[in-house]
Amino acid sequence: MLPALSKFDCVILRGLPGSGKSTFAKKLAKEFNFVHLEADDHLHVNGVYRFDPARVSDAHALVTRETVAHLAANRNVVVAHTNVRLWEMASVVGAASLLQKTYCFVELIGRWDNIHDVSEDVVSSMSARWERLPESCAGISFSHHPAA
């Protein structure tokens, strides 16, 4: 699976909290020298993760800006967000398209403890809002065990 993804300039990960997005992104970054980007990295205060709904849009905008910069410098990126709704991926897709870079979607479907202690109620609510990729999108869905 990983070698097939290495041919893309931009890999867009999506999945519910605890699905293995961050772990998978780190593995892709380590094995194939992808730059790992995610909004959560911009939600730390004094080195501690602090989810703040008022800052999420800004965090996503920063990731889009970083995506553009890295792709323009011919570095491959892996972007890991929940991306529950399709529009949430639009800016990264737009950036890759604008720069004429190849991209793909990977849906992580594992269910492990999530690193930010997102409650089961919130995860269930996100699951209920989940939008499937259109048939025209080349999406890959799989369960990747974080320990693998």
C-alpha atoms as a PDB file:
ATOM      1  CA  MET A   1       0.000   0.000   0.000  1.00  0.00           C
ATOM      2  CA  LEU A   2       2.631   2.559   0.991  1.00  0.00           C
ATOM      3  CA  PRO A   3       4.764   2.159  -2.151  1.00  0.00           C
ATOM      4  CA  ALA A   4       1.686   2.833  -4.315  1.00  0.00           C
ATOM      5  CA  LEU A   5       1.088   6.099  -2.449  1.00  0.00           C
ATOM      6  CA  SER A   6       4.674   7.241  -2.916  1.00  0.00           C
ATOM      7  CA  LYS A   7       3.951   8.084  -6.564  1.00  0.00           C
ATOM      8  CA  PHE A   8       1.569  10.893  -5.568  1.00  0.00           C
ATOM      9  CA  ASP A   9       2.679  14.438  -4.814  1.00  0.00           C
ATOM     10  CA  CYS A  10      -0.089  14.912  -2.241  1.00  0.00           C
ATOM     11  CA  VAL A  11      -1.849  12.272  -0.154  1.00  0.00           C
ATOM     12  CA  ILE A  12      -4.997  13.496   1.597  1.00  0.00           C
ATOM     13  CA  LEU A  13      -5.978  11.410   4.611  1.00  0.00           C
ATOM     14  CA  ARG A  14      -9.443  11.445   6.121  1.00  0.00           C
ATOM     15  CA  GLY A  15     -11.000   9.560   8.975  1.00  0.00           C
ATOM     16  CA  LEU A  16     -12.699   9.879  12.322  1.00  0.00           C
ATOM     17  CA  PRO A  17     -10.696  10.545  15.479  1.00  0.00           C
ATOM     18  CA  GLY A  18      -8.862   7.357  16.401  1.00  0.00           C
ATOM     19  CA  SER A  19      -8.796   5.977  12.854  1.00  0.00           C
ATOM     20  CA  GLY A  20      -4.994   6.124  12.601  1.00  0.00           C
ATOM     21  CA  LYS A  21      -4.508   9.252  10.455  1.00  0.00           C
ATOM     22  CA  SER A  22      -1.590  10.736  12.372  1.00  0.00           C
ATOM     23  CA  THR A  23       0.161   7.395  12.765  1.00  0.00           C
ATOM     24  CA  PHE A  24      -0.250   6.596   9.082  1.00  0.00           C
ATOM     25  CA  ALA A  25       0.941  10.075   8.053  1.00  0.00           C
ATOM     26  CA  LYS A  26       4.048   9.715  10.227  1.00  0.00           C
ATOM     27  CA  LYS A  27       4.801   6.355   8.623  1.00  0.00           C
ATOM     28  CA  LEU A  28       4.398   7.775   5.103  1.00  0.00           C
ATOM     29  CA  ALA A  29       6.605  10.725   6.038  1.00  0.00           C
ATOM     30  CA  LYS A  30       9.311   8.489   7.477  1.00  0.00           C
ATOM     31  CA  GLU A  31       9.360   5.858   4.749  1.00  0.00           C
ATOM     32  CA  PHE A  32       8.942   8.108   1.694  1.00  0.00           C
ATOM     33  CA  ASN A  33      10.078  11.529   2.898  1.00  0.00           C
ATOM     34  CA  PHE A  34       6.622  13.119   2.725  1.00  0.00           C
ATOM     35  CA  VAL A  35       6.067  16.315   4.696  1.00  0.00           C
ATOM     36  CA  HIS A  36       3.376  15.552   7.303  1.00  0.00           C
ATOM     37  CA  LEU A  37       0.863  18.372   7.753  1.00  0.00           C
ATOM     38  CA  GLU A  38      -2.220  18.599   9.939  1.00  0.00           C
ATOM     39  CA  ALA A  39      -4.258  21.309  11.594  1.00  0.00           C
ATOM     40  CA  ASP A  40      -3.756  19.769  15.035  1.00  0.00           C
ATOM     41  CA  ASP A  41      -0.136  20.909  14.892  1.00  0.00           C
ATOM     42  CA  HIS A  42      -1.395  24.507  15.002  1.00  0.00           C
ATOM     43  CA  LEU A  43      -3.648  23.988  18.014  1.00  0.00           C
ATOM     44  CA  HIS A  44      -0.932  23.782  20.654  1.00  0.00           C
ATOM     45  CA  VAL A  45      -0.583  26.392  23.375  1.00  0.00           C
ATOM     46  CA  ASN A  46       2.710  26.351  25.265  1.00  0.00           C
ATOM     47  CA  GLY A  47       3.396  22.876  23.852  1.00  0.00           C
ATOM     48  CA  VAL A  48       0.046  21.417  24.960  1.00  0.00           C
ATOM     49  CA  TYR A  49      -2.738  20.488  22.522  1.00  0.00           C
ATOM     50  CA  ARG A  50      -5.806  22.658  23.142  1.00  0.00           C
ATOM     51  CA  PHE A  51      -8.762  22.188  20.824  1.00  0.00           C
ATOM     52  CA  ASP A  52     -10.359  25.571  20.214  1.00  0.00           C
ATOM     53  CA  PRO A  53     -13.207  25.681  17.657  1.00  0.00           C
ATOM     54  CA  ALA A  54     -12.477  29.374  17.089  1.00  0.00           C
ATOM     55  CA  ARG A  55      -8.970  28.510  15.846  1.00  0.00           C
ATOM     56  CA  VAL A  56      -9.771  25.514  13.622  1.00  0.00           C
ATOM     57  CA  SER A  57     -10.377  27.544  10.446  1.00  0.00           C
ATOM     58  CA  ASP A  58      -7.072  29.363  10.921  1.00  0.00           C
ATOM     59  CA  ALA A  59      -5.268  26.071  11.516  1.00  0.00           C
ATOM     60  CA  HIS A  60      -6.685  24.637   8.286  1.00  0.00           C
ATOM     61  CA  ALA A  61      -5.707  27.791   6.399  1.00  0.00           C
ATOM     62  CA  LEU A  62      -2.140  27.447   7.683  1.00  0.00           C
ATOM     63  CA  VAL A  63      -2.022  23.842   6.502  1.00  0.00           C
ATOM     64  CA  THR A  64      -3.231  24.919   3.052  1.00  0.00           C
ATOM     65  CA  ARG A  65      -0.537  27.592   2.927  1.00  0.00           C
ATOM     66  CA  GLU A  66       2.095  25.044   3.985  1.00  0.00           C
ATOM     67  CA  THR A  67       0.777  22.593   1.381  1.00  0.00           C
ATOM     68  CA  VAL A  68       1.193  25.188  -1.366  1.00  0.00           C
ATOM     69  CA  ALA A  69       4.716  26.067  -0.217  1.00  0.00           C
ATOM     70  CA  HIS A  70       5.903  22.458  -0.015  1.00  0.00           C
ATOM     71  CA  LEU A  71       4.297  21.362  -3.284  1.00  0.00           C
ATOM     72  CA  ALA A  72       5.707  24.434  -5.060  1.00  0.00           C
ATOM     73  CA  ALA A  73       9.140  23.401  -3.765  1.00  0.00           C
ATOM     74  CA  ASN A  74       8.561  19.907  -5.221  1.00  0.00           C
ATOM     75  CA  ARG A  75       8.227  18.214  -1.840  1.00  0.00           C
ATOM     76  CA  ASN A  76       5.568  15.536  -1.392  1.00  0.00           C
ATOM     77  CA  VAL A  77       3.015  16.124   1.352  1.00  0.00           C
ATOM     78  CA  VAL A  78       0.598  14.031   3.374  1.00  0.00           C
ATOM     79  CA  VAL A  79      -2.261  16.034   4.880  1.00  0.00           C
ATOM     80  CA  ALA A  80      -4.131  14.415   7.767  1.00  0.00           C
ATOM     81  CA  HIS A  81      -7.484  15.882   8.820  1.00  0.00           C
ATOM     82  CA  THR A  82     -10.804  14.328   9.722  1.00  0.00           C
ATOM     83  CA  ASN A  83     -12.290  15.790   6.490  1.00  0.00           C
ATOM     84  CA  VAL A  84     -15.776  14.629   7.472  1.00  0.00           C
ATOM     85  CA  ARG A  85     -17.364  16.860   4.837  1.00  0.00           C
ATOM     86  CA  LEU A  86     -15.997  16.954   1.308  1.00  0.00           C
ATOM     87  CA  TRP A  87     -15.672  20.749   1.285  1.00  0.00           C
ATOM     88  CA  GLU A  88     -13.150  20.437   4.121  1.00  0.00           C
ATOM     89  CA  MET A  89     -10.652  18.997   1.613  1.00  0.00           C
ATOM     90  CA  ALA A  90     -11.335  21.587  -1.079  1.00  0.00           C
ATOM     91  CA  SER A  91      -8.486  23.967  -0.273  1.00  0.00           C
ATOM     92  CA  VAL A  92      -5.837  21.228  -0.301  1.00  0.00           C
ATOM     93  CA  VAL A  93      -7.287  19.714  -3.494  1.00  0.00           C
ATOM     94  CA  GLY A  94      -7.346  23.194  -5.013  1.00  0.00           C
ATOM     95  CA  ALA A  95      -3.741  23.830  -4.046  1.00  0.00           C
ATOM     96  CA  ALA A  96      -2.571  20.553  -5.590  1.00  0.00           C
ATOM     97  CA  SER A  97      -4.648  21.141  -8.715  1.00  0.00           C
ATOM     98  CA  LEU A  98      -3.430  24.717  -9.131  1.00  0.00           C
ATOM     99  CA  LEU A  99       0.164  23.519  -8.971  1.00  0.00           C
ATOM    100  CA  GLN A 100      -0.629  20.604 -11.327  1.00  0.00           C
ATOM    101  CA  LYS A 101       0.383  18.043  -8.722  1.00  0.00           C
ATOM    102  CA  THR A 102      -1.025  14.557  -8.402  1.00  0.00           C
ATOM    103  CA  TYR A 103      -3.108  13.728  -5.356  1.00  0.00           C
ATOM    104  CA  CYS A 104      -5.162  10.931  -3.907  1.00  0.00           C
ATOM    105  CA  PHE A 105      -7.495  10.344  -0.982  1.00  0.00           C
ATOM    106  CA  VAL A 106      -7.043   7.688   1.675  1.00  0.00           C
ATOM    107  CA  GLU A 107      -9.835   6.977   4.133  1.00  0.00           C
ATOM    108  CA  LEU A 108      -8.684   5.464   7.418  1.00  0.00           C
ATOM    109  CA  ILE A 109     -11.369   3.316   8.997  1.00  0.00           C
ATOM    110  CA  GLY A 110      -9.654   1.903  12.075  1.00  0.00           C
ATOM    111  CA  ARG A 111     -11.078   2.408  15.556  1.00  0.00           C
ATOM    112  CA  TRP A 112      -8.424   2.898  18.220  1.00  0.00           C
ATOM    113  CA  ASP A 113      -8.092   5.289  21.137  1.00  0.00           C
ATOM    114  CA  ASN A 114      -7.784   8.808  19.775  1.00  0.00           C
ATOM    115  CA  ILE A 115      -4.862  10.921  20.920  1.00  0.00           C
ATOM    116  CA  HIS A 116      -7.006  13.961  21.785  1.00  0.00           C
ATOM    117  CA  ASP A 117      -9.588  12.169  23.934  1.00  0.00           C
ATOM    118  CA  VAL A 118     -12.475  13.094  21.631  1.00  0.00           C
ATOM    119  CA  SER A 119     -15.616  11.735  23.285  1.00  0.00           C
ATOM    120  CA  GLU A 120     -17.596   8.893  21.734  1.00  0.00           C
ATOM    121  CA  ASP A 121     -20.590  11.260  21.409  1.00  0.00           C
ATOM    122  CA  VAL A 122     -18.546  13.655  19.280  1.00  0.00           C
ATOM    123  CA  VAL A 123     -17.120  10.809  17.185  1.00  0.00           C
ATOM    124  CA  SER A 124     -20.656   9.457  16.627  1.00  0.00           C
ATOM    125  CA  SER A 125     -21.865  12.906  15.597  1.00  0.00           C
ATOM    126  CA  MET A 126     -18.991  13.222  13.127  1.00  0.00           C
ATOM    127  CA  SER A 127     -19.764   9.764  11.778  1.00  0.00           C
ATOM    128  CA  ALA A 128     -23.387  10.771  11.168  1.00  0.00           C
ATOM    129  CA  ARG A 129     -22.189  13.770   9.095  1.00  0.00           C
ATOM    130  CA  TRP A 130     -19.652  11.719   7.095  1.00  0.00           C
ATOM    131  CA  GLU A 131     -19.798  12.378   3.352  1.00  0.00           C
ATOM    132  CA  ARG A 132     -18.593   9.641   1.044  1.00  0.00           C
ATOM    133  CA  LEU A 133     -16.148  10.348  -1.727  1.00  0.00           C
ATOM    134  CA  PRO A 134     -17.806  10.620  -5.135  1.00  0.00           C
ATOM    135  CA  GLU A 135     -17.297   7.651  -7.448  1.00  0.00           C
ATOM    136  CA  SER A 136     -15.157   9.877  -9.680  1.00  0.00           C
ATOM    137  CA  CYS A 137     -12.528  10.280  -6.934  1.00  0.00           C
ATOM    138  CA  ALA A 138      -9.802   7.709  -6.604  1.00  0.00           C
ATOM    139  CA  GLY A 139     -10.221   6.919  -2.933  1.00  0.00           C
ATOM    140  CA  ILE A 140      -8.683   4.110  -0.941  1.00  0.00           C
ATOM    141  CA  SER A 141     -10.276   2.889   2.283  1.00  0.00           C
ATOM    142  CA  PHE A 142      -8.472   0.632   4.678  1.00  0.00           C
ATOM    143  CA  SER A 143      -7.782  -0.091   8.287  1.00  0.00           C
ATOM    144  CA  HIS A 144      -4.205   0.523   9.285  1.00  0.00           C
ATOM    145  CA  HIS A 145      -3.251  -0.639  12.750  1.00  0.00           C
ATOM    146  CA  PRO A 146      -1.183   2.087  14.460  1.00  0.00           C
ATOM    147  CA  ALA A 147       1.337  -0.483  15.648  1.00  0.00           C
ATOM    148  CA  ALA A 148       1.894  -1.765  12.100  1.00  0.00           C
END
